[in-house]
PDB file of N, CA and C in Angstrom:
ATOM      1  N   MET A   1       0.831  -1.196   0.000  1.00  0.00           N
ATOM      2  CA  MET A   1       0.000   0.000   0.000  1.00  0.00           C
ATOM      3  C   MET A   1       0.878   1.263   0.000  1.00  0.00           C
ATOM      4  N   ARG A   2       1.942   1.214   0.761  1.00  0.00           N
ATOM      5  CA  ARG A   2       2.822   2.381   0.834  1.00  0.00           C
ATOM      6  C   ARG A   2       3.517   2.621  -0.507  1.00  0.00           C
ATOM      7  N   HIS A   3       3.868   1.524  -1.194  1.00  0.00           N
ATOM      8  CA  HIS A   3       4.519   1.659  -2.499  1.00  0.00           C
ATOM      9  C   HIS A   3       3.566   2.249  -3.529  1.00  0.00           C
ATOM     10  N   ARG A   4       2.308   1.826  -3.457  1.00  0.00           N
ATOM     11  CA  ARG A   4       1.316   2.341  -4.407  1.00  0.00           C
ATOM     12  C   ARG A   4       1.123   3.844  -4.220  1.00  0.00           C
ATOM     13  N   ARG A   5       1.082   4.291  -2.982  1.00  0.00           N
ATOM     14  CA  ARG A   5       0.938   5.725  -2.718  1.00  0.00           C
ATOM     15  C   ARG A   5       2.157   6.497  -3.214  1.00  0.00           C
ATOM     16  N   ALA A   6       3.328   5.936  -3.034  1.00  0.00           N
ATOM     17  CA  ALA A   6       4.544   6.610  -3.500  1.00  0.00           C
ATOM     18  C   ALA A   6       4.550   6.720  -5.017  1.00  0.00           C
ATOM     19  N   ILE A   7       4.128   5.657  -5.689  1.00  0.00           N
ATOM     20  CA  ILE A   7       4.087   5.686  -7.155  1.00  0.00           C
ATOM     21  C   ILE A   7       3.056   6.695  -7.636  1.00  0.00           C
ATOM     22  N   LEU A   8       1.876   6.692  -7.031  1.00  0.00           N
ATOM     23  CA  LEU A   8       0.841   7.653  -7.424  1.00  0.00           C
ATOM     24  C   LEU A   8       1.293   9.085  -7.152  1.00  0.00           C
ATOM     25  N   GLY A   9       1.964   9.292  -6.036  1.00  0.00           N
ATOM     26  CA  GLY A   9       2.465  10.625  -5.720  1.00  0.00           C
ATOM     27  C   GLY A   9       3.493  11.098  -6.730  1.00  0.00           C
ATOM     28  N   SER A  10       4.380  10.187  -7.125  1.00  0.00           N
ATOM     29  CA  SER A  10       5.403  10.541  -8.112  1.00  0.00           C
ATOM     30  C   SER A  10       4.780  10.850  -9.465  1.00  0.00           C
ATOM     31  N   LEU A  11       3.837  10.011  -9.887  1.00  0.00           N
ATOM     32  CA  LEU A  11       3.175  10.264 -11.170  1.00  0.00           C
ATOM     33  C   LEU A  11       2.388  11.560 -11.126  1.00  0.00           C
ATOM     34  N   GLY A  12       1.711  11.801 -10.015  1.00  0.00           N
ATOM     35  CA  GLY A  12       0.961  13.050  -9.872  1.00  0.00           C
ATOM     36  C   GLY A  12       1.871  14.254  -9.962  1.00  0.00           C
ATOM     37  N   PHE A  13       3.027  14.175  -9.310  1.00  0.00           N
ATOM     38  CA  PHE A  13       3.965  15.298  -9.336  1.00  0.00           C
ATOM     39  C   PHE A  13       4.512  15.515 -10.745  1.00  0.00           C
ATOM     40  N   LEU A  14       4.797  14.413 -11.469  1.00  0.00           N
ATOM     41  CA  LEU A  14       5.308  14.542 -12.835  1.00  0.00           C
ATOM     42  C   LEU A  14       4.257  15.135 -13.766  1.00  0.00           C
ATOM     43  N   LEU A  15       2.996  14.852 -13.507  1.00  0.00           N
ATOM     44  CA  LEU A  15       1.934  15.411 -14.338  1.00  0.00           C
ATOM     45  C   LEU A  15       1.632  16.856 -13.966  1.00  0.00           C
ATOM     46  N   VAL A  16       1.794  17.197 -12.699  1.00  0.00           N
ATOM     47  CA  VAL A  16       1.467  18.552 -12.241  1.00  0.00           C
ATOM     48  C   VAL A  16       2.464  19.563 -12.786  1.00  0.00           C
ATOM     49  N   GLY A  17       3.730  19.197 -12.865  1.00  0.00           N
ATOM     50  CA  GLY A  17       4.752  20.140 -13.322  1.00  0.00           C
ATOM     51  C   GLY A  17       4.438  20.769 -14.668  1.00  0.00           C
ATOM     52  N   PRO A  18       4.240  19.960 -15.718  1.00  0.00           N
ATOM     53  CA  PRO A  18       3.923  20.552 -17.028  1.00  0.00           C
ATOM     54  C   PRO A  18       2.602  21.314 -17.033  1.00  0.00           C
ATOM     55  N   VAL A  19       1.607  20.813 -16.288  1.00  0.00           N
ATOM     56  CA  VAL A  19       0.312  21.505 -16.249  1.00  0.00           C
ATOM     57  C   VAL A  19       0.480  22.888 -15.643  1.00  0.00           C
ATOM     58  N   LEU A  20       1.203  22.962 -14.543  1.00  0.00           N
ATOM     59  CA  LEU A  20       1.408  24.259 -13.913  1.00  0.00           C
ATOM     60  C   LEU A  20       2.270  25.160 -14.786  1.00  0.00           C
ATOM     61  N   GLU A  21       3.251  24.581 -15.456  1.00  0.00           N
ATOM     62  CA  GLU A  21       4.123  25.379 -16.311  1.00  0.00           C
ATOM     63  C   GLU A  21       3.345  25.954 -17.492  1.00  0.00           C
ATOM     64  N   MET A  22       2.481  25.153 -18.085  1.00  0.00           N
ATOM     65  CA  MET A  22       1.710  25.621 -19.245  1.00  0.00           C
ATOM     66  C   MET A  22       0.571  26.541 -18.824  1.00  0.00           C
ATOM     67  N   GLY A  23      -0.037  26.276 -17.659  1.00  0.00           N
ATOM     68  CA  GLY A  23      -1.207  27.053 -17.259  1.00  0.00           C
ATOM     69  C   GLY A  23      -0.878  28.301 -16.471  1.00  0.00           C
ATOM     70  N   VAL A  24       0.025  28.183 -15.488  1.00  0.00           N
ATOM     71  CA  VAL A  24       0.293  29.304 -14.593  1.00  0.00           C
ATOM     72  C   VAL A  24       1.464  30.145 -15.076  1.00  0.00           C
ATOM     73  N   GLY A  25       2.498  29.521 -15.639  1.00  0.00           N
ATOM     74  CA  GLY A  25       3.674  30.267 -16.076  1.00  0.00           C
ATOM     75  C   GLY A  25       3.357  31.360 -17.076  1.00  0.00           C
ATOM     76  N   PRO A  26       2.723  31.014 -18.208  1.00  0.00           N
ATOM     77  CA  PRO A  26       2.373  32.072 -19.168  1.00  0.00           C
ATOM     78  C   PRO A  26       1.386  33.079 -18.593  1.00  0.00           C
ATOM     79  N   TYR A  27       0.518  32.603 -17.694  1.00  0.00           N
ATOM     80  CA  TYR A  27      -0.458  33.508 -17.078  1.00  0.00           C
ATOM     81  C   TYR A  27       0.241  34.573 -16.242  1.00  0.00           C
ATOM     82  N   LEU A  28       1.245  34.175 -15.485  1.00  0.00           N
ATOM     83  CA  LEU A  28       1.949  35.127 -14.638  1.00  0.00           C
ATOM     84  C   LEU A  28       2.882  36.019 -15.444  1.00  0.00           C
ATOM     85  N   LEU A  29       3.427  35.486 -16.542  1.00  0.00           N
ATOM     86  CA  LEU A  29       4.400  36.254 -17.315  1.00  0.00           C
ATOM     87  C   LEU A  29       3.755  37.154 -18.365  1.00  0.00           C
ATOM     88  N   SER A  30       2.504  36.875 -18.714  1.00  0.00           N
ATOM     89  CA  SER A  30       1.849  37.682 -19.745  1.00  0.00           C
ATOM     90  C   SER A  30       0.809  38.591 -19.102  1.00  0.00           C
ATOM     91  N   ASP A  31      -0.025  39.145 -19.935  1.00  0.00           N
ATOM     92  CA  ASP A  31      -1.076  40.024 -19.419  1.00  0.00           C
ATOM     93  C   ASP A  31      -2.321  39.202 -19.098  1.00  0.00           C
ATOM     94  N   GLY A  32      -2.143  38.147 -18.353  1.00  0.00           N
ATOM     95  CA  GLY A  32      -3.251  37.267 -18.012  1.00  0.00           C
ATOM     96  C   GLY A  32      -4.302  37.933 -17.152  1.00  0.00           C
ATOM     97  N   PHE A  33      -3.910  38.982 -16.432  1.00  0.00           N
ATOM     98  CA  PHE A  33      -4.873  39.648 -15.576  1.00  0.00           C
ATOM     99  C   PHE A  33      -5.916  40.401 -16.388  1.00  0.00           C
ATOM    100  N   SER A  34      -5.561  40.788 -17.604  1.00  0.00           N
ATOM    101  CA  SER A  34      -6.522  41.510 -18.431  1.00  0.00           C
ATOM    102  C   SER A  34      -7.310  40.572 -19.343  1.00  0.00           C
ATOM    103  N   ARG A  35      -6.864  39.320 -19.454  1.00  0.00           N
ATOM    104  CA  ARG A  35      -7.551  38.348 -20.303  1.00  0.00           C
ATOM    105  C   ARG A  35      -8.310  37.367 -19.431  1.00  0.00           C
ATOM    106  N   GLY A  36      -9.552  37.123 -19.743  1.00  0.00           N
ATOM    107  CA  GLY A  36     -10.347  36.190 -18.961  1.00  0.00           C
ATOM    108  C   GLY A  36      -9.865  34.757 -19.087  1.00  0.00           C
ATOM    109  N   ASP A  37      -9.419  34.360 -20.283  1.00  0.00           N
ATOM    110  CA  ASP A  37      -9.024  32.969 -20.490  1.00  0.00           C
ATOM    111  C   ASP A  37      -7.742  32.638 -19.724  1.00  0.00           C
ATOM    112  N   GLY A  38      -6.835  33.598 -19.559  1.00  0.00           N
ATOM    113  CA  GLY A  38      -5.614  33.348 -18.803  1.00  0.00           C
ATOM    114  C   GLY A  38      -5.911  33.072 -17.342  1.00  0.00           C
ATOM    115  N   ALA A  39      -6.846  33.816 -16.786  1.00  0.00           N
ATOM    116  CA  ALA A  39      -7.210  33.608 -15.388  1.00  0.00           C
ATOM    117  C   ALA A  39      -7.854  32.238 -15.198  1.00  0.00           C
ATOM    118  N   LEU A  40      -8.698  31.858 -16.128  1.00  0.00           N
ATOM    119  CA  LEU A  40      -9.365  30.559 -16.023  1.00  0.00           C
ATOM    120  C   LEU A  40      -8.367  29.422 -16.169  1.00  0.00           C
ATOM    121  N   ASP A  41      -7.449  29.529 -17.129  1.00  0.00           N
ATOM    122  CA  ASP A  41      -6.432  28.497 -17.318  1.00  0.00           C
ATOM    123  C   ASP A  41      -5.560  28.354 -16.072  1.00  0.00           C
ATOM    124  N   GLY A  42      -5.151  29.475 -15.499  1.00  0.00           N
ATOM    125  CA  GLY A  42      -4.321  29.434 -14.299  1.00  0.00           C
ATOM    126  C   GLY A  42      -5.046  28.788 -13.140  1.00  0.00           C
ATOM    127  N   ALA A  43      -6.311  29.150 -12.950  1.00  0.00           N
ATOM    128  CA  ALA A  43      -7.082  28.577 -11.851  1.00  0.00           C
ATOM    129  C   ALA A  43      -7.291  27.083 -12.038  1.00  0.00           C
ATOM    130  N   LEU A  44      -7.587  26.671 -13.254  1.00  0.00           N
ATOM    131  CA  LEU A  44      -7.786  25.238 -13.515  1.00  0.00           C
ATOM    132  C   LEU A  44      -6.496  24.454 -13.310  1.00  0.00           C
ATOM    133  N   ALA A  45      -5.367  25.025 -13.697  1.00  0.00           N
ATOM    134  CA  ALA A  45      -4.087  24.340 -13.514  1.00  0.00           C
ATOM    135  C   ALA A  45      -3.772  24.168 -12.036  1.00  0.00           C
ATOM    136  N   VAL A  46      -4.049  25.193 -11.236  1.00  0.00           N
ATOM    137  CA  VAL A  46      -3.783  25.100  -9.798  1.00  0.00           C
ATOM    138  C   VAL A  46      -4.691  24.060  -9.166  1.00  0.00           C
ATOM    139  N   VAL A  47      -5.973  24.070  -9.514  1.00  0.00           N
ATOM    140  CA  VAL A  47      -6.912  23.089  -8.953  1.00  0.00           C
ATOM    141  C   VAL A  47      -6.522  21.674  -9.357  1.00  0.00           C
ATOM    142  N   ALA A  48      -6.140  21.485 -10.614  1.00  0.00           N
ATOM    143  CA  ALA A  48      -5.731  20.152 -11.070  1.00  0.00           C
ATOM    144  C   ALA A  48      -4.466  19.695 -10.345  1.00  0.00           C
ATOM    145  N   GLY A  49      -3.531  20.603 -10.143  1.00  0.00           N
ATOM    146  CA  GLY A  49      -2.305  20.249  -9.434  1.00  0.00           C
ATOM    147  C   GLY A  49      -2.567  19.840  -8.007  1.00  0.00           C
ATOM    148  N   ILE A  50      -3.410  20.598  -7.313  1.00  0.00           N
ATOM    149  CA  ILE A  50      -3.736  20.274  -5.916  1.00  0.00           C
ATOM    150  C   ILE A  50      -4.453  18.933  -5.834  1.00  0.00           C
ATOM    151  N   ALA A  51      -5.363  18.681  -6.771  1.00  0.00           N
ATOM    152  CA  ALA A  51      -6.101  17.411  -6.754  1.00  0.00           C
ATOM    153  C   ALA A  51      -5.166  16.228  -6.987  1.00  0.00           C
ATOM    154  N   LEU A  52      -4.245  16.358  -7.931  1.00  0.00           N
ATOM    155  CA  LEU A  52      -3.328  15.248  -8.204  1.00  0.00           C
ATOM    156  C   LEU A  52      -2.382  15.003  -7.031  1.00  0.00           C
ATOM    157  N   ILE A  53      -1.921  16.069  -6.401  1.00  0.00           N
ATOM    158  CA  ILE A  53      -1.048  15.893  -5.236  1.00  0.00           C
ATOM    159  C   ILE A  53      -1.815  15.248  -4.093  1.00  0.00           C
ATOM    160  N   ALA A  54      -3.064  15.664  -3.896  1.00  0.00           N
ATOM    161  CA  ALA A  54      -3.879  15.074  -2.825  1.00  0.00           C
ATOM    162  C   ALA A  54      -4.147  13.600  -3.079  1.00  0.00           C
ATOM    163  N   LEU A  55      -4.357  13.225  -4.328  1.00  0.00           N
ATOM    164  CA  LEU A  55      -4.583  11.817  -4.648  1.00  0.00           C
ATOM    165  C   LEU A  55      -3.330  10.980  -4.412  1.00  0.00           C
ATOM    166  N   GLY A  56      -2.180  11.560  -4.658  1.00  0.00           N
ATOM    167  CA  GLY A  56      -0.947  10.802  -4.487  1.00  0.00           C
ATOM    168  C   GLY A  56      -0.431  10.789  -3.066  1.00  0.00           C
ATOM    169  N   ALA A  57      -0.894  11.708  -2.238  1.00  0.00           N
ATOM    170  CA  ALA A  57      -0.341  11.822  -0.879  1.00  0.00           C
ATOM    171  C   ALA A  57      -0.906  10.828   0.077  1.00  0.00           C
TER     172      ALA A  57
END
């Protein structure tokens, strides 16, 4: 059981990195505050990252 959690946590972390980089990175570096879609993408990336980390933890 402990090994399964470690594997899920590792996979979740590997999936969260690119999602956060694609969703939050451009949002913070561009004019995402003035664009509605940038804010939505950033929020969805953060929620997805938290959910994947919680599932793996």
